[in-house]
Amino acid sequence: MLRHLMRLALSTALAGTLAACVDPSLTEATKTPTATAPVIPQPVPADFVEAYAAKQDGSFVVPAVPVEKIPPHLIRQEVAYETTDAPGTVIIDPTNKTLHLVTAPGKALRYGIAVGKDGFQWAGEALITNRRHWPTWTPPPEMIARKPELEKWKDGQPGGPTNPLGARALYLTTGGVDYGFRIHGTPEWKSIGHNASSGCFRMINQDVMDLYNRVPDGAKVVVLNADGTRPTKLKLPPPAPKPKKAAAPKAPAAPKPQPAALGAPAPGFPTMTAPALTPPALGAVPPALAAPAPVAPTPAVAPATPAAPAVVVPATDPASVPAADTPPEPAAPAVVPPAAAPAATCVPAPGIVCP
């Protein structure tokens, strides 16, 4: 019995000694899994040889871009870049119009970009949650309101060399919300280095194709503030003002009623004007009582005596023709005596006594 107890105690002590030789933090049971860092394809010299030459991409041809017309600092190139961000992070500097893809500690690929116009800039952090080849572009209603000629693409413009999104598009979301911001190509390569977009970041088609092949889904994108500092929160551009509706024409205001003058008729009643009467002068006879003026007699006119018809006689010797009778003189017209004037009416007046 004693021997059995000694053997049990020895085996327990040996097990405890072996356990103390293994660090619990190194066992698979207690090891905390860590996220796998994305593998970023490192640039090689061939990536910069004829980087902007024409390329066949599926059924489309990406036209060449004249390198000599691109500002030197906006040409794709590998640069030294100190940051604490992990490889695979995209850092956008809107002020300098550059996009950096961190490829390794202290290194990055730099691309030239075009950024938002005044009133469309933003800053903050986002994630690349989608990527597409030759994407369809659908202008938002606000853009159609600013540019009515885009109404024809309200249901989407198919991908192609003239599509504003170019050959590739990387879709950005913040906190799971898609605010409509993209990193995309553009057929308007001359806009690179300028404030030209509505908040998206444009790249030369050859550059966005290169970025598309290097950056993974879920990569972090940091858009710096205008002064180059890192943002502490999302800063969105102000909302576009709503178009003002045309105001309906106002009806003319009714004239204010003027106070009626003293003695004037009330509004709505006809105005009656009495004839002006002029009182007769002192001593004068009113016209209604004045005697009528005498009427001059009209002379009686006697009726005209009809002329005797002319008698035609045959021509004879004048000596044998007897003298014509002398016609009688016309009677004198009768004279009608004037009518007697009516008696004058006596009008009472000072100094005059009527019978």
Protein backbone atom coordinates (compact mmCIF):
# COMPACT_ATOMS: atom_id res chain seq x y z
CA MET A 1 0.00 0.00 0.00
CA LEU A 2 2.73 2.40 0.93
CA ARG A 3 4.61 1.53 -2.26
CA HIS A 4 1.47 2.36 -4.31
CA LEU A 5 1.09 5.77 -2.67
CA MET A 6 4.75 6.63 -3.33
CA ARG A 7 4.44 5.69 -7.00
CA LEU A 8 1.31 7.94 -7.40
CA ALA A 9 3.04 10.92 -5.79
CA LEU A 10 6.07 10.54 -8.05
CA SER A 11 4.00 10.45 -11.22
CA THR A 12 2.07 13.60 -10.18
CA ALA A 13 5.29 15.51 -9.49
CA LEU A 14 6.76 14.47 -12.83
CA ALA A 15 3.65 15.66 -14.70
CA GLY A 16 3.82 19.05 -12.99
CA THR A 17 7.49 19.42 -13.89
CA LEU A 18 6.85 18.74 -17.59
CA ALA A 19 3.94 21.17 -17.71
CA ALA A 20 6.10 24.00 -16.45
CA CYS A 21 8.47 23.61 -19.44
CA VAL A 22 5.82 24.65 -21.98
CA ASP A 23 4.74 28.31 -22.35
CA PRO A 24 0.91 28.29 -22.42
CA SER A 25 0.96 31.27 -24.81
CA LEU A 26 2.61 29.08 -27.47
CA THR A 27 0.01 26.33 -27.54
CA GLU A 28 -2.53 26.25 -30.37
CA ALA A 29 -5.37 26.16 -27.85
CA THR A 30 -4.50 29.53 -26.35
CA LYS A 31 -2.98 31.28 -29.39
CA THR A 32 -5.01 34.30 -30.56
CA PRO A 33 -5.54 34.22 -34.35
CA THR A 34 -4.20 37.26 -36.15
CA ALA A 35 -5.46 38.82 -39.38
CA THR A 36 -3.47 37.87 -42.40
CA ALA A 37 -1.78 40.93 -43.96
CA PRO A 38 -2.75 41.43 -47.60
CA VAL A 39 -0.12 40.54 -50.12
CA ILE A 40 0.55 43.55 -52.36
CA PRO A 41 2.21 42.79 -55.70
CA GLN A 42 5.47 44.69 -55.67
CA PRO A 43 6.26 46.88 -58.65
CA VAL A 44 8.96 45.79 -61.09
CA PRO A 45 10.78 47.87 -63.72
CA ALA A 46 8.58 46.45 -66.46
CA ASP A 47 5.57 48.13 -64.82
CA PHE A 48 6.97 51.53 -65.79
CA VAL A 49 8.01 50.71 -69.37
CA GLU A 50 5.44 52.04 -71.81
CA ALA A 51 3.06 52.40 -68.87
CA TYR A 52 0.74 54.64 -70.89
CA ALA A 53 0.82 52.82 -74.24
CA ALA A 54 -2.41 51.67 -75.91
CA LYS A 55 -3.75 48.41 -74.51
CA GLN A 56 -6.31 45.85 -75.57
CA ASP A 57 -8.62 45.19 -72.61
CA GLY A 58 -11.32 42.68 -73.41
CA SER A 59 -13.43 44.02 -76.26
CA PHE A 60 -12.19 47.58 -75.77
CA VAL A 61 -8.97 49.35 -76.65
CA VAL A 62 -7.55 51.75 -74.09
CA PRO A 63 -6.01 54.61 -76.09
CA ALA A 64 -2.44 55.71 -75.44
CA VAL A 65 -1.70 58.80 -73.38
CA PRO A 66 1.24 61.06 -74.31
CA VAL A 67 3.60 60.79 -71.35
CA GLU A 68 5.36 64.05 -72.24
CA LYS A 69 2.12 65.94 -71.56
CA ILE A 70 1.68 64.53 -68.05
CA PRO A 71 3.29 66.56 -65.25
CA PRO A 72 6.32 64.53 -64.03
CA HIS A 73 5.16 64.25 -60.43
CA LEU A 74 1.82 62.78 -61.58
CA ILE A 75 3.35 59.94 -63.60
CA ARG A 76 3.08 56.52 -61.95
CA GLN A 77 6.26 55.87 -59.94
CA GLU A 78 7.59 54.15 -56.81
CA VAL A 79 8.53 56.60 -54.05
CA ALA A 80 9.70 56.63 -50.45
CA TYR A 81 6.70 57.18 -48.20
CA GLU A 82 6.80 57.13 -44.42
CA THR A 83 3.54 56.10 -42.78
CA THR A 84 2.27 53.90 -40.01
CA ASP A 85 -0.46 52.53 -42.25
CA ALA A 86 -0.22 48.90 -43.27
CA PRO A 87 0.64 47.82 -46.82
CA GLY A 88 -2.45 47.85 -48.99
CA THR A 89 -3.70 51.17 -47.57
CA VAL A 90 -4.61 53.88 -50.07
CA ILE A 91 -3.85 57.45 -48.97
CA ILE A 92 -5.24 60.32 -51.03
CA ASP A 93 -3.85 63.85 -50.84
CA PRO A 94 -6.42 66.15 -52.51
CA THR A 95 -4.24 69.24 -52.25
CA ASN A 96 -1.29 67.70 -54.12
CA LYS A 97 -3.57 65.66 -56.42
CA THR A 98 -1.79 62.38 -55.61
CA LEU A 99 -2.82 58.87 -54.53
CA HIS A 100 -0.36 56.63 -52.66
CA LEU A 101 -0.69 52.86 -52.37
CA VAL A 102 1.44 51.64 -49.49
CA THR A 103 3.38 48.63 -50.83
CA ALA A 104 5.85 48.05 -47.99
CA PRO A 105 7.14 49.86 -44.90
CA GLY A 106 8.53 53.19 -46.12
CA LYS A 107 7.50 52.58 -49.76
CA ALA A 108 4.49 53.38 -51.92
CA LEU A 109 3.32 53.64 -55.50
CA ARG A 110 2.27 57.19 -56.39
CA TYR A 111 -0.34 58.02 -59.02
CA GLY A 112 -1.68 61.35 -60.27
CA ILE A 113 -5.38 62.02 -59.80
CA ALA A 114 -8.11 64.62 -60.31
CA VAL A 115 -10.20 65.58 -57.29
CA GLY A 116 -13.51 67.24 -56.51
CA LYS A 117 -14.32 70.76 -57.59
CA ASP A 118 -15.01 73.49 -55.07
CA GLY A 119 -17.98 72.46 -52.99
CA PHE A 120 -17.44 68.72 -53.66
CA GLN A 121 -14.36 67.99 -51.54
CA TRP A 122 -14.55 65.56 -48.66
CA ALA A 123 -12.25 63.94 -46.12
CA GLY A 124 -12.38 60.83 -43.95
CA GLU A 125 -11.82 57.09 -44.07
CA ALA A 126 -13.56 54.51 -46.22
CA LEU A 127 -13.26 50.91 -47.37
CA ILE A 128 -13.07 49.49 -50.87
CA THR A 129 -16.11 47.22 -50.87
CA ASN A 130 -16.52 46.58 -54.58
CA ARG A 131 -14.50 46.68 -57.82
CA ARG A 132 -15.67 46.51 -61.42
CA HIS A 133 -14.33 46.24 -64.98
CA TRP A 134 -15.74 48.80 -67.42
CA PRO A 135 -18.51 49.79 -65.03
CA THR A 136 -21.90 51.22 -65.89
CA TRP A 137 -22.28 54.85 -64.91
CA THR A 138 -25.59 56.19 -63.62
CA PRO A 139 -25.65 59.95 -62.95
CA PRO A 140 -27.43 60.85 -59.70
CA PRO A 141 -30.56 63.02 -59.88
CA GLU A 142 -28.64 66.01 -58.49
CA MET A 143 -26.18 65.83 -61.40
CA ILE A 144 -28.99 65.50 -63.93
CA ALA A 145 -30.57 68.61 -62.42
CA ARG A 146 -27.29 70.49 -62.96
CA LYS A 147 -26.75 69.04 -66.45
CA PRO A 148 -30.08 68.24 -68.15
CA GLU A 149 -28.23 66.74 -71.14
CA LEU A 150 -27.49 63.68 -68.93
CA GLU A 151 -31.18 62.79 -68.75
CA LYS A 152 -30.59 60.18 -71.48
CA TRP A 153 -28.38 58.19 -69.05
CA LYS A 154 -30.79 58.23 -66.08
CA ASP A 155 -31.01 54.41 -66.35
CA GLY A 156 -27.23 53.99 -66.77
CA GLN A 157 -24.57 54.44 -69.44
CA PRO A 158 -22.96 51.13 -70.46
CA GLY A 159 -19.24 50.71 -69.91
CA GLY A 160 -16.91 51.69 -72.71
CA PRO A 161 -14.13 54.07 -73.76
CA THR A 162 -16.44 57.12 -73.47
CA ASN A 163 -17.95 56.15 -70.12
CA PRO A 164 -17.01 58.70 -67.40
CA LEU A 165 -15.95 55.89 -65.02
CA GLY A 166 -13.32 54.64 -67.43
CA ALA A 167 -11.86 51.13 -67.49
CA ARG A 168 -12.12 50.34 -63.75
CA ALA A 169 -13.97 51.58 -60.68
CA LEU A 170 -13.33 51.01 -56.96
CA TYR A 171 -16.43 51.67 -54.83
CA LEU A 172 -16.02 53.31 -51.42
CA THR A 173 -18.26 53.01 -48.37
CA THR A 174 -17.99 54.54 -44.91
CA GLY A 175 -19.68 52.84 -41.98
CA GLY A 176 -21.54 50.65 -44.44
CA VAL A 177 -22.97 53.69 -46.24
CA ASP A 178 -22.31 54.33 -49.93
CA TYR A 179 -22.06 58.11 -50.40
CA GLY A 180 -21.43 57.74 -54.12
CA PHE A 181 -17.64 58.26 -54.01
CA ARG A 182 -15.43 56.24 -56.35
CA ILE A 183 -11.83 55.82 -57.47
CA HIS A 184 -12.18 55.35 -61.20
CA GLY A 185 -10.61 55.86 -64.60
CA THR A 186 -11.48 58.58 -67.05
CA PRO A 187 -11.25 59.21 -70.80
CA GLU A 188 -10.46 62.84 -69.91
CA TRP A 189 -6.82 62.30 -68.95
CA LYS A 190 -6.14 66.05 -69.28
CA SER A 191 -8.21 66.63 -66.13
CA ILE A 192 -5.56 64.84 -64.02
CA GLY A 193 -3.96 67.30 -61.61
CA HIS A 194 -7.07 69.51 -61.44
CA ASN A 195 -10.23 69.99 -59.39
CA ALA A 196 -12.62 68.54 -61.92
CA SER A 197 -14.96 65.93 -60.43
CA SER A 198 -18.07 65.82 -58.25
CA GLY A 199 -16.24 64.21 -55.31
CA CYS A 200 -14.79 61.11 -56.96
CA PHE A 201 -11.09 60.57 -57.67
CA ARG A 202 -10.16 60.22 -61.33
CA MET A 203 -7.15 58.36 -62.62
CA ILE A 204 -5.66 57.76 -66.06
CA ASN A 205 -7.16 54.51 -67.35
CA GLN A 206 -3.77 52.75 -67.44
CA ASP A 207 -3.16 53.80 -63.82
CA VAL A 208 -6.52 52.69 -62.46
CA MET A 209 -6.04 49.32 -64.17
CA ASP A 210 -2.67 48.97 -62.40
CA LEU A 211 -4.18 49.98 -59.03
CA TYR A 212 -7.09 47.57 -59.55
CA ASN A 213 -4.65 44.66 -59.90
CA ARG A 214 -2.79 45.53 -56.69
CA VAL A 215 -5.31 46.69 -54.10
CA PRO A 216 -7.51 44.03 -52.44
CA ASP A 217 -11.16 44.22 -51.49
CA GLY A 218 -11.62 45.58 -47.98
CA ALA A 219 -8.56 47.83 -48.25
CA LYS A 220 -8.66 51.05 -46.24
CA VAL A 221 -8.75 54.42 -47.99
CA VAL A 222 -7.71 57.60 -46.16
CA VAL A 223 -8.65 60.96 -47.69
CA LEU A 224 -6.57 63.68 -46.04
CA ASN A 225 -7.80 67.13 -45.07
CA ALA A 226 -7.04 70.10 -47.29
CA ASP A 227 -4.08 71.00 -45.05
CA GLY A 228 -2.59 67.49 -45.35
CA THR A 229 -3.55 66.34 -41.85
CA ARG A 230 -5.34 63.07 -41.15
CA PRO A 231 -9.09 63.41 -40.61
CA THR A 232 -10.60 62.47 -37.29
CA LYS A 233 -14.11 62.12 -38.69
CA LEU A 234 -15.97 62.01 -41.97
CA LYS A 235 -16.36 65.45 -43.55
CA LEU A 236 -18.86 65.45 -46.39
CA PRO A 237 -19.49 68.26 -48.87
CA PRO A 238 -22.54 70.43 -48.20
CA PRO A 239 -25.75 69.20 -49.82
CA ALA A 240 -26.60 70.71 -53.16
CA PRO A 241 -29.21 73.47 -52.90
CA LYS A 242 -32.64 72.44 -54.10
CA PRO A 243 -33.82 74.24 -57.24
CA LYS A 244 -36.22 77.03 -56.39
CA LYS A 245 -39.71 76.75 -57.79
CA ALA A 246 -40.95 79.66 -59.82
CA ALA A 247 -43.17 81.82 -57.67
CA ALA A 248 -46.76 82.21 -58.86
CA PRO A 249 -47.53 85.75 -60.03
CA LYS A 250 -49.20 87.77 -57.32
CA ALA A 251 -52.63 89.23 -57.99
CA PRO A 252 -52.66 93.03 -58.01
CA ALA A 253 -53.61 94.42 -54.65
CA ALA A 254 -57.11 95.92 -54.46
CA PRO A 255 -57.02 99.69 -54.03
CA LYS A 256 -57.66 100.85 -50.52
CA PRO A 257 -60.99 102.68 -50.11
CA GLN A 258 -60.51 106.39 -49.58
CA PRO A 259 -62.52 108.06 -46.79
CA ALA A 260 -65.60 109.81 -48.18
CA ALA A 261 -65.69 113.58 -48.04
CA LEU A 262 -68.16 115.27 -45.75
CA GLY A 263 -71.55 115.28 -47.39
CA ALA A 264 -70.52 112.88 -50.19
CA PRO A 265 -72.85 109.97 -51.07
CA ALA A 266 -72.04 106.57 -49.68
CA PRO A 267 -70.02 104.16 -51.91
CA GLY A 268 -72.23 102.37 -54.43
CA PHE A 269 -74.90 105.07 -54.62
CA PRO A 270 -75.23 107.31 -57.73
CA THR A 271 -74.08 110.87 -57.49
CA MET A 272 -76.82 113.42 -58.26
CA THR A 273 -75.74 116.91 -59.21
CA ALA A 274 -78.27 119.75 -58.95
CA PRO A 275 -78.16 122.43 -61.68
CA ALA A 276 -76.44 125.61 -60.67
CA LEU A 277 -78.87 128.54 -60.23
CA THR A 278 -77.73 132.10 -60.60
CA PRO A 279 -79.91 134.56 -58.65
CA PRO A 280 -81.07 137.61 -60.70
CA ALA A 281 -79.42 140.93 -60.09
CA LEU A 282 -81.17 143.46 -57.94
CA GLY A 283 -83.87 145.23 -59.96
CA ALA A 284 -83.65 142.86 -62.89
CA VAL A 285 -86.62 140.91 -64.24
CA PRO A 286 -86.34 137.11 -64.10
CA PRO A 287 -86.17 135.59 -67.61
CA ALA A 288 -89.31 133.54 -66.96
CA LEU A 289 -91.31 136.75 -66.27
CA ALA A 290 -89.84 138.97 -69.00
CA ALA A 291 -92.19 140.02 -71.84
CA PRO A 292 -91.51 138.30 -75.13
CA ALA A 293 -89.92 140.43 -77.84
CA PRO A 294 -92.29 141.65 -80.61
CA VAL A 295 -92.21 139.60 -83.79
CA ALA A 296 -91.72 141.58 -87.04
CA PRO A 297 -94.63 141.16 -89.52
CA THR A 298 -93.95 139.02 -92.53
CA PRO A 299 -94.91 140.85 -95.79
CA ALA A 300 -97.51 139.09 -97.88
CA VAL A 301 -96.15 138.02 -101.22
CA ALA A 302 -98.58 138.12 -104.15
CA PRO A 303 -98.59 135.05 -106.31
CA ALA A 304 -96.54 135.38 -109.43
CA THR A 305 -98.50 135.96 -112.66
CA PRO A 306 -97.86 133.13 -115.08
CA ALA A 307 -96.07 134.23 -118.23
CA ALA A 308 -98.09 134.21 -121.43
CA PRO A 309 -97.04 131.62 -123.94
CA ALA A 310 -94.94 132.92 -126.77
CA VAL A 311 -96.69 133.12 -130.16
CA VAL A 312 -94.65 132.34 -133.22
CA VAL A 313 -95.74 134.32 -136.31
CA PRO A 314 -94.42 133.95 -139.76
CA ALA A 315 -91.81 136.35 -140.88
CA THR A 316 -93.25 139.35 -142.77
CA ASP A 317 -92.23 142.74 -143.77
CA PRO A 318 -91.48 144.81 -140.71
CA ALA A 319 -93.26 147.75 -142.06
CA SER A 320 -96.47 145.86 -142.38
CA VAL A 321 -96.39 144.47 -138.83
CA PRO A 322 -98.42 146.56 -136.41
CA ALA A 323 -96.92 147.62 -133.11
CA ALA A 324 -97.37 145.20 -130.27
CA ASP A 325 -99.72 146.04 -127.49
CA THR A 326 -98.12 147.26 -124.28
CA PRO A 327 -98.60 144.64 -121.49
CA PRO A 328 -100.46 145.81 -118.38
CA GLU A 329 -98.45 146.69 -115.34
CA PRO A 330 -98.58 144.13 -112.48
CA ALA A 331 -100.74 145.01 -109.45
CA ALA A 332 -98.97 146.30 -106.35
CA PRO A 333 -98.58 143.76 -103.52
CA ALA A 334 -101.06 143.97 -100.68
CA VAL A 335 -99.64 145.30 -97.45
CA VAL A 336 -100.64 143.41 -94.34
CA PRO A 337 -100.74 145.66 -91.23
CA PRO A 338 -98.51 144.41 -88.39
CA ALA A 339 -100.18 142.57 -85.58
CA ALA A 340 -100.73 144.49 -82.43
CA ALA A 341 -98.03 143.96 -79.83
CA PRO A 342 -99.22 142.16 -76.73
CA ALA A 343 -99.65 144.17 -73.66
CA ALA A 344 -96.56 144.36 -71.53
CA THR A 345 -96.71 142.53 -68.27
CA CYS A 346 -96.09 144.67 -65.23
CA VAL A 347 -93.30 143.33 -63.15
CA PRO A 348 -93.16 144.67 -59.60
CA ALA A 349 -89.93 146.43 -58.96
CA PRO A 350 -88.70 149.27 -56.76
CA GLY A 351 -90.25 152.53 -58.04
CA ILE A 352 -92.74 150.77 -60.32
CA VAL A 353 -96.44 150.57 -59.43
CA CYS A 354 -98.49 147.94 -61.22
CA PRO A 355 -102.24 148.56 -61.94
